[in-house]
PDB file of N, CA and C in Angstrom:
ATOM      1  N   MET A   1     -20.882  15.311   1.184  1.00  0.00           N
ATOM      2  CA  MET A   1     -19.671  14.527   1.598  1.00  0.00           C
ATOM      3  C   MET A   1     -18.713  15.585   2.182  1.00  0.00           C
ATOM      4  N   ASP A   2     -18.152  15.110   3.281  1.00  0.00           N
ATOM      5  CA  ASP A   2     -17.116  15.993   4.013  1.00  0.00           C
ATOM      6  C   ASP A   2     -15.742  15.508   3.524  1.00  0.00           C
ATOM      7  N   GLU A   3     -14.837  16.425   3.967  1.00  0.00           N
ATOM      8  CA  GLU A   3     -13.457  16.258   3.301  1.00  0.00           C
ATOM      9  C   GLU A   3     -12.865  14.878   3.835  1.00  0.00           C
ATOM     10  N   LYS A   4     -13.098  14.673   5.129  1.00  0.00           N
ATOM     11  CA  LYS A   4     -12.560  13.432   5.783  1.00  0.00           C
ATOM     12  C   LYS A   4     -12.942  12.074   5.049  1.00  0.00           C
ATOM     13  N   THR A   5     -14.222  12.043   4.693  1.00  0.00           N
ATOM     14  CA  THR A   5     -14.812  11.018   3.934  1.00  0.00           C
ATOM     15  C   THR A   5     -14.221  10.883   2.481  1.00  0.00           C
ATOM     16  N   MET A   6     -14.059  12.065   1.890  1.00  0.00           N
ATOM     17  CA  MET A   6     -13.521  12.193   0.549  1.00  0.00           C
ATOM     18  C   MET A   6     -12.001  11.518   0.528  1.00  0.00           C
ATOM     19  N   VAL A   7     -11.251  11.945   1.449  1.00  0.00           N
ATOM     20  CA  VAL A   7      -9.853  11.467   1.673  1.00  0.00           C
ATOM     21  C   VAL A   7      -9.722   9.975   1.970  1.00  0.00           C
ATOM     22  N   ALA A   8     -10.667   9.468   2.839  1.00  0.00           N
ATOM     23  CA  ALA A   8     -10.618   8.164   3.147  1.00  0.00           C
ATOM     24  C   ALA A   8     -11.005   7.280   1.912  1.00  0.00           C
ATOM     25  N   ASP A   9     -12.053   7.656   1.181  1.00  0.00           N
ATOM     26  CA  ASP A   9     -12.394   7.102  -0.043  1.00  0.00           C
ATOM     27  C   ASP A   9     -11.302   7.056  -1.194  1.00  0.00           C
ATOM     28  N   SER A  10     -10.694   8.188  -1.137  1.00  0.00           N
ATOM     29  CA  SER A  10      -9.576   8.297  -2.262  1.00  0.00           C
ATOM     30  C   SER A  10      -8.439   7.372  -1.960  1.00  0.00           C
ATOM     31  N   LEU A  11      -8.075   7.333  -0.593  1.00  0.00           N
ATOM     32  CA  LEU A  11      -7.080   6.447  -0.142  1.00  0.00           C
ATOM     33  C   LEU A  11      -7.436   4.942  -0.500  1.00  0.00           C
ATOM     34  N   GLU A  12      -8.669   4.623  -0.225  1.00  0.00           N
ATOM     35  CA  GLU A  12      -9.265   3.125  -0.443  1.00  0.00           C
ATOM     36  C   GLU A  12      -8.983   2.866  -1.996  1.00  0.00           C
ATOM     37  N   SER A  13      -9.468   3.953  -2.793  1.00  0.00           N
ATOM     38  CA  SER A  13      -9.319   3.652  -4.293  1.00  0.00           C
ATOM     39  C   SER A  13      -7.956   3.477  -4.736  1.00  0.00           C
ATOM     40  N   ILE A  14      -7.175   4.178  -4.297  1.00  0.00           N
ATOM     41  CA  ILE A  14      -5.729   4.336  -4.654  1.00  0.00           C
ATOM     42  C   ILE A  14      -5.228   2.882  -4.240  1.00  0.00           C
ATOM     43  N   ASN A  15      -5.294   2.433  -3.016  1.00  0.00           N
ATOM     44  CA  ASN A  15      -4.978   1.165  -2.483  1.00  0.00           C
ATOM     45  C   ASN A  15      -5.340   0.058  -3.316  1.00  0.00           C
ATOM     46  N   SER A  16      -6.586   0.063  -3.719  1.00  0.00           N
ATOM     47  CA  SER A  16      -7.268  -0.908  -4.648  1.00  0.00           C
ATOM     48  C   SER A  16      -6.546  -0.888  -5.888  1.00  0.00           C
ATOM     49  N   GLU A  17      -6.327   0.216  -6.480  1.00  0.00           N
ATOM     50  CA  GLU A  17      -5.641   0.298  -7.812  1.00  0.00           C
ATOM     51  C   GLU A  17      -4.184  -0.229  -7.677  1.00  0.00           C
ATOM     52  N   LEU A  18      -3.311  -0.064  -6.605  1.00  0.00           N
ATOM     53  CA  LEU A  18      -2.074  -0.496  -6.359  1.00  0.00           C
ATOM     54  C   LEU A  18      -2.277  -2.008  -6.321  1.00  0.00           C
ATOM     55  N   GLU A  19      -3.156  -2.517  -5.775  1.00  0.00           N
ATOM     56  CA  GLU A  19      -3.320  -4.091  -5.839  1.00  0.00           C
ATOM     57  C   GLU A  19      -3.465  -4.559  -7.253  1.00  0.00           C
ATOM     58  N   LYS A  20      -4.270  -3.903  -7.860  1.00  0.00           N
ATOM     59  CA  LYS A  20      -4.557  -4.318  -9.353  1.00  0.00           C
ATOM     60  C   LYS A  20      -3.216  -4.310 -10.193  1.00  0.00           C
ATOM     61  N   PHE A  21      -2.552  -3.140  -9.929  1.00  0.00           N
ATOM     62  CA  PHE A  21      -1.302  -3.011 -10.727  1.00  0.00           C
ATOM     63  C   PHE A  21      -0.379  -4.239 -10.536  1.00  0.00           C
ATOM     64  N   GLY A  22      -0.166  -4.510  -9.147  1.00  0.00           N
ATOM     65  CA  GLY A  22       0.681  -5.675  -8.667  1.00  0.00           C
ATOM     66  C   GLY A  22       0.340  -6.795  -9.402  1.00  0.00           C
ATOM     67  N   ASN A  23      -0.995  -7.195  -9.503  1.00  0.00           N
ATOM     68  CA  ASN A  23      -1.385  -8.386 -10.161  1.00  0.00           C
ATOM     69  C   ASN A  23      -1.196  -8.333 -11.708  1.00  0.00           C
ATOM     70  N   MET A  24      -1.340  -7.300 -12.301  1.00  0.00           N
ATOM     71  CA  MET A  24      -1.052  -6.928 -13.649  1.00  0.00           C
ATOM     72  C   MET A  24       0.459  -7.299 -14.023  1.00  0.00           C
ATOM     73  N   ILE A  25       1.177  -6.591 -13.314  1.00  0.00           N
ATOM     74  CA  ILE A  25       2.720  -6.594 -13.381  1.00  0.00           C
ATOM     75  C   ILE A  25       3.175  -8.152 -13.260  1.00  0.00           C
ATOM     76  N   ALA A  26       2.741  -8.830 -12.337  1.00  0.00           N
ATOM     77  CA  ALA A  26       3.063 -10.280 -12.240  1.00  0.00           C
ATOM     78  C   ALA A  26       2.567 -11.106 -13.391  1.00  0.00           C
ATOM     79  N   GLN A  27       1.443 -10.768 -13.986  1.00  0.00           N
ATOM     80  CA  GLN A  27       0.935 -11.551 -14.879  1.00  0.00           C
ATOM     81  C   GLN A  27       1.086 -11.448 -16.384  1.00  0.00           C
ATOM     82  N   THR A  28       1.818 -10.203 -16.660  1.00  0.00           N
ATOM     83  CA  THR A  28       2.175  -9.887 -18.164  1.00  0.00           C
ATOM     84  C   THR A  28       3.690 -10.437 -18.390  1.00  0.00           C
ATOM     85  N   GLU A  29       3.698 -10.833 -19.745  1.00  0.00           N
ATOM     86  CA  GLU A  29       5.053 -11.363 -20.203  1.00  0.00           C
ATOM     87  C   GLU A  29       5.755 -10.207 -21.115  1.00  0.00           C
ATOM     88  N   ASN A  30       4.995  -9.349 -21.576  1.00  0.00           N
ATOM     89  CA  ASN A  30       5.428  -8.280 -22.261  1.00  0.00           C
ATOM     90  C   ASN A  30       6.191  -7.231 -21.527  1.00  0.00           C
ATOM     91  N   GLN A  31       7.578  -7.192 -21.721  1.00  0.00           N
ATOM     92  CA  GLN A  31       8.465  -6.399 -20.778  1.00  0.00           C
ATOM     93  C   GLN A  31       8.215  -5.032 -21.047  1.00  0.00           C
ATOM     94  N   GLU A  32       7.799  -4.465 -22.174  1.00  0.00           N
ATOM     95  CA  GLU A  32       7.540  -3.101 -22.370  1.00  0.00           C
ATOM     96  C   GLU A  32       6.297  -2.608 -21.453  1.00  0.00           C
ATOM     97  N   LEU A  33       5.349  -3.529 -21.613  1.00  0.00           N
ATOM     98  CA  LEU A  33       4.084  -3.236 -20.775  1.00  0.00           C
ATOM     99  C   LEU A  33       4.472  -3.309 -19.351  1.00  0.00           C
ATOM    100  N   LYS A  34       5.178  -4.254 -18.913  1.00  0.00           N
ATOM    101  CA  LYS A  34       5.490  -4.457 -17.560  1.00  0.00           C
ATOM    102  C   LYS A  34       6.189  -3.232 -16.914  1.00  0.00           C
ATOM    103  N   GLN A  35       7.111  -2.727 -17.697  1.00  0.00           N
ATOM    104  CA  GLN A  35       7.915  -1.449 -17.407  1.00  0.00           C
ATOM    105  C   GLN A  35       6.823  -0.289 -17.109  1.00  0.00           C
ATOM    106  N   LYS A  36       6.005  -0.081 -18.045  1.00  0.00           N
ATOM    107  CA  LYS A  36       4.911   1.010 -18.249  1.00  0.00           C
ATOM    108  C   LYS A  36       4.114   0.734 -16.967  1.00  0.00           C
ATOM    109  N   LEU A  37       3.658  -0.377 -16.554  1.00  0.00           N
ATOM    110  CA  LEU A  37       2.716  -0.740 -15.491  1.00  0.00           C
ATOM    111  C   LEU A  37       3.601  -0.386 -14.248  1.00  0.00           C
ATOM    112  N   LYS A  38       4.843  -0.642 -14.194  1.00  0.00           N
ATOM    113  CA  LYS A  38       5.729  -0.327 -12.981  1.00  0.00           C
ATOM    114  C   LYS A  38       5.730   1.190 -12.740  1.00  0.00           C
ATOM    115  N   MET A  39       5.919   1.947 -13.793  1.00  0.00           N
ATOM    116  CA  MET A  39       5.890   3.332 -13.792  1.00  0.00           C
ATOM    117  C   MET A  39       4.734   4.026 -13.323  1.00  0.00           C
ATOM    118  N   ILE A  40       3.480   3.536 -13.779  1.00  0.00           N
ATOM    119  CA  ILE A  40       2.220   4.046 -13.199  1.00  0.00           C
ATOM    120  C   ILE A  40       1.962   3.682 -11.940  1.00  0.00           C
ATOM    121  N   ARG A  41       2.384   2.465 -11.430  1.00  0.00           N
ATOM    122  CA  ARG A  41       2.259   2.083 -10.091  1.00  0.00           C
ATOM    123  C   ARG A  41       3.079   2.894  -9.311  1.00  0.00           C
ATOM    124  N   ASN A  42       4.426   3.186  -9.571  1.00  0.00           N
ATOM    125  CA  ASN A  42       5.153   4.017  -8.708  1.00  0.00           C
ATOM    126  C   ASN A  42       4.695   5.476  -8.564  1.00  0.00           C
ATOM    127  N   GLN A  43       3.961   5.910  -9.670  1.00  0.00           N
ATOM    128  CA  GLN A  43       3.368   7.439  -9.527  1.00  0.00           C
ATOM    129  C   GLN A  43       2.001   7.127  -8.595  1.00  0.00           C
ATOM    130  N   CYS A  44       1.435   6.130  -8.685  1.00  0.00           N
ATOM    131  CA  CYS A  44       0.140   5.878  -7.890  1.00  0.00           C
ATOM    132  C   CYS A  44       0.659   5.771  -6.492  1.00  0.00           C
ATOM    133  N   GLU A  45       1.816   5.025  -6.161  1.00  0.00           N
ATOM    134  CA  GLU A  45       2.266   5.075  -4.780  1.00  0.00           C
ATOM    135  C   GLU A  45       2.738   6.401  -4.233  1.00  0.00           C
ATOM    136  N   MET A  46       3.267   7.173  -5.051  1.00  0.00           N
ATOM    137  CA  MET A  46       3.546   8.591  -4.665  1.00  0.00           C
ATOM    138  C   MET A  46       2.419   9.297  -4.296  1.00  0.00           C
ATOM    139  N   SER A  47       1.337   9.205  -5.102  1.00  0.00           N
ATOM    140  CA  SER A  47       0.111   9.871  -4.816  1.00  0.00           C
ATOM    141  C   SER A  47      -0.560   9.330  -3.532  1.00  0.00           C
ATOM    142  N   GLN A  48      -0.449   8.107  -3.329  1.00  0.00           N
ATOM    143  CA  GLN A  48      -1.032   7.458  -2.112  1.00  0.00           C
ATOM    144  C   GLN A  48      -0.318   8.002  -0.855  1.00  0.00           C
ATOM    145  N   GLU A  49       1.121   8.028  -1.016  1.00  0.00           N
ATOM    146  CA  GLU A  49       1.781   8.524   0.295  1.00  0.00           C
ATOM    147  C   GLU A  49       1.532  10.119   0.284  1.00  0.00           C
ATOM    148  N   GLU A  50       1.492  10.871  -0.618  1.00  0.00           N
ATOM    149  CA  GLU A  50       1.035  12.361  -0.331  1.00  0.00           C
ATOM    150  C   GLU A  50      -0.226  12.415   0.221  1.00  0.00           C
ATOM    151  N   LEU A  51      -1.257  11.522  -0.168  1.00  0.00           N
ATOM    152  CA  LEU A  51      -2.734  11.779   0.360  1.00  0.00           C
ATOM    153  C   LEU A  51      -2.709  11.204   1.870  1.00  0.00           C
ATOM    154  N   TYR A  52      -1.824  10.101   1.923  1.00  0.00           N
ATOM    155  CA  TYR A  52      -1.682   9.547   3.396  1.00  0.00           C
ATOM    156  C   TYR A  52      -1.059  10.778   4.343  1.00  0.00           C
ATOM    157  N   GLN A  53      -0.107  11.343   3.907  1.00  0.00           N
ATOM    158  CA  GLN A  53       0.553  12.389   4.722  1.00  0.00           C
ATOM    159  C   GLN A  53      -0.532  13.493   5.029  1.00  0.00           C
ATOM    160  N   ILE A  54      -1.346  13.918   4.022  1.00  0.00           N
ATOM    161  CA  ILE A  54      -2.400  14.870   4.295  1.00  0.00           C
ATOM    162  C   ILE A  54      -3.417  14.400   5.270  1.00  0.00           C
ATOM    163  N   ALA A  55      -3.719  12.958   5.281  1.00  0.00           N
ATOM    164  CA  ALA A  55      -4.754  12.432   6.091  1.00  0.00           C
ATOM    165  C   ALA A  55      -4.068  12.593   7.591  1.00  0.00           C
ATOM    166  N   ARG A  56      -2.828  12.098   7.766  1.00  0.00           N
ATOM    167  CA  ARG A  56      -2.108  12.119   8.920  1.00  0.00           C
ATOM    168  C   ARG A  56      -2.068  13.409   9.641  1.00  0.00           C
ATOM    169  N   SER A  57      -1.790  14.469   8.699  1.00  0.00           N
ATOM    170  CA  SER A  57      -1.613  15.948   9.339  1.00  0.00           C
ATOM    171  C   SER A  57      -2.958  16.531   9.807  1.00  0.00           C
ATOM    172  N   LYS A  58      -4.168  15.988   9.281  1.00  0.00           N
ATOM    173  CA  LYS A  58      -5.321  16.399   9.592  1.00  0.00           C
ATOM    174  C   LYS A  58      -6.111  15.625  10.657  1.00  0.00           C
ATOM    175  N   SER A  59      -5.394  14.588  11.127  1.00  0.00           N
ATOM    176  CA  SER A  59      -5.846  13.449  12.148  1.00  0.00           C
ATOM    177  C   SER A  59      -7.168  12.780  11.427  1.00  0.00           C
ATOM    178  N   TYR A  60      -7.180  12.665  10.066  1.00  0.00           N
ATOM    179  CA  TYR A  60      -8.191  11.802   9.469  1.00  0.00           C
ATOM    180  C   TYR A  60      -7.858  10.509   9.563  1.00  0.00           C
ATOM    181  N   TYR A  61      -6.566  10.169   9.683  1.00  0.00           N
ATOM    182  CA  TYR A  61      -5.927   8.753   9.890  1.00  0.00           C
ATOM    183  C   TYR A  61      -4.976   8.786  10.910  1.00  0.00           C
ATOM    184  N   VAL A  62      -5.199   7.817  11.856  1.00  0.00           N
ATOM    185  CA  VAL A  62      -4.405   7.527  12.921  1.00  0.00           C
ATOM    186  C   VAL A  62      -3.837   6.041  12.832  1.00  0.00           C
ATOM    187  N   PRO A  63      -2.505   5.968  12.529  1.00  0.00           N
ATOM    188  CA  PRO A  63      -2.048   4.510  12.415  1.00  0.00           C
ATOM    189  C   PRO A  63      -2.161   3.606  13.694  1.00  0.00           C
ATOM    190  N   ALA A  64      -2.084   2.329  13.459  1.00  0.00           N
ATOM    191  CA  ALA A  64      -2.234   1.449  14.582  1.00  0.00           C
ATOM    192  C   ALA A  64      -0.786   1.731  15.328  1.00  0.00           C
ATOM    193  N   ALA A  65      -0.787   1.283  16.611  1.00  0.00           N
ATOM    194  CA  ALA A  65       0.332   1.190  17.306  1.00  0.00           C
ATOM    195  C   ALA A  65       1.377   0.182  16.735  1.00  0.00           C
ATOM    196  N   LYS A  66       2.630   0.557  16.951  1.00  0.00           N
ATOM    197  CA  LYS A  66       3.625  -0.266  16.483  1.00  0.00           C
ATOM    198  C   LYS A  66       3.596  -1.422  17.115  1.00  0.00           C
ATOM    199  N   ALA A  67       4.172  -2.518  16.434  1.00  0.00           N
ATOM    200  CA  ALA A  67       4.227  -3.885  17.105  1.00  0.00           C
ATOM    201  C   ALA A  67       5.363  -3.840  18.199  1.00  0.00           C
ATOM    202  N   THR A  68       5.079  -4.683  19.231  1.00  0.00           N
ATOM    203  CA  THR A  68       6.414  -4.780  20.195  1.00  0.00           C
ATOM    204  C   THR A  68       7.487  -5.870  19.537  1.00  0.00           C
ATOM    205  N   GLN A  69       8.406  -5.953  20.078  1.00  0.00           N
ATOM    206  CA  GLN A  69       9.552  -6.759  19.711  1.00  0.00           C
ATOM    207  C   GLN A  69       9.259  -8.115  19.724  1.00  0.00           C
ATOM    208  N   GLU A  70       8.439  -8.442  20.727  1.00  0.00           N
ATOM    209  CA  GLU A  70       7.876  -9.748  20.824  1.00  0.00           C
ATOM    210  C   GLU A  70       7.003 -10.248  19.730  1.00  0.00           C
ATOM    211  N   GLU A  71       6.204  -9.255  19.282  1.00  0.00           N
ATOM    212  CA  GLU A  71       5.200  -9.502  18.209  1.00  0.00           C
ATOM    213  C   GLU A  71       6.095  -9.814  17.006  1.00  0.00           C
ATOM    214  N   VAL A  72       6.934  -8.898  16.776  1.00  0.00           N
ATOM    215  CA  VAL A  72       7.900  -8.923  15.533  1.00  0.00           C
ATOM    216  C   VAL A  72       8.653 -10.296  15.530  1.00  0.00           C
ATOM    217  N   ALA A  73       9.168 -10.676  16.639  1.00  0.00           N
ATOM    218  CA  ALA A  73       9.739 -11.936  16.694  1.00  0.00           C
ATOM    219  C   ALA A  73       8.924 -13.161  16.455  1.00  0.00           C
ATOM    220  N   HIS A  74       7.639 -13.063  17.065  1.00  0.00           N
ATOM    221  CA  HIS A  74       6.855 -14.223  16.751  1.00  0.00           C
ATOM    222  C   HIS A  74       6.523 -14.289  15.293  1.00  0.00           C
ATOM    223  N   VAL A  75       6.219 -13.215  14.599  1.00  0.00           N
ATOM    224  CA  VAL A  75       5.923 -13.218  13.102  1.00  0.00           C
ATOM    225  C   VAL A  75       7.014 -13.717  12.331  1.00  0.00           C
ATOM    226  N   LYS A  76       8.278 -13.184  12.477  1.00  0.00           N
ATOM    227  CA  LYS A  76       9.517 -13.764  11.946  1.00  0.00           C
ATOM    228  C   LYS A  76       9.751 -15.190  12.193  1.00  0.00           C
ATOM    229  N   SER A  77       9.334 -15.798  13.323  1.00  0.00           N
ATOM    230  CA  SER A  77       9.420 -17.219  13.558  1.00  0.00           C
ATOM    231  C   SER A  77       8.440 -18.039  12.807  1.00  0.00           C
ATOM    232  N   LEU A  78       7.434 -17.459  12.507  1.00  0.00           N
ATOM    233  CA  LEU A  78       6.350 -18.146  11.725  1.00  0.00           C
ATOM    234  C   LEU A  78       6.737 -18.347  10.372  1.00  0.00           C
ATOM    235  N   PHE A  79       7.395 -17.343   9.815  1.00  0.00           N
ATOM    236  CA  PHE A  79       7.939 -17.319   8.392  1.00  0.00           C
ATOM    237  C   PHE A  79       9.156 -18.170   8.396  1.00  0.00           C
ATOM    238  N   THR A  80      10.016 -18.143   9.483  1.00  0.00           N
ATOM    239  CA  THR A  80      11.164 -18.950   9.356  1.00  0.00           C
ATOM    240  C   THR A  80      10.746 -20.456   9.460  1.00  0.00           C
ATOM    241  N   GLN A  81       9.662 -20.889  10.234  1.00  0.00           N
ATOM    242  CA  GLN A  81       9.306 -22.240  10.283  1.00  0.00           C
ATOM    243  C   GLN A  81       8.692 -22.673   8.879  1.00  0.00           C
ATOM    244  N   LYS A  82       7.905 -21.869   8.267  1.00  0.00           N
ATOM    245  CA  LYS A  82       7.437 -22.038   7.058  1.00  0.00           C
ATOM    246  C   LYS A  82       8.326 -22.526   5.812  1.00  0.00           C
ATOM    247  N   MET A  83       9.613 -21.862   5.980  1.00  0.00           N
ATOM    248  CA  MET A  83      10.660 -21.880   4.970  1.00  0.00           C
ATOM    249  C   MET A  83      11.433 -23.214   5.173  1.00  0.00           C
ATOM    250  N   MET A  84      11.304 -23.743   6.230  1.00  0.00           N
ATOM    251  CA  MET A  84      12.180 -25.044   6.547  1.00  0.00           C
ATOM    252  C   MET A  84      11.512 -26.233   6.049  1.00  0.00           C
TER     253      MET A  84
END
């Protein structure tokens, strides 16, 4: 397995774990456990960001183009309509 594949697999795994932490945090009533899970999630997010920066620097990951102002306005309007 090459380095690019390993980095991509690691990012995918971390992203999956972040999603799981979010679900666990939302579902627990134990405040001590909730705080611990938040701490672990924050550490996981820092690792994800570090690995993401490495992937970007090696051109293993190229982000999508930024949304235009029109696209942003359209999405905002969709959420505004749903709120009313």
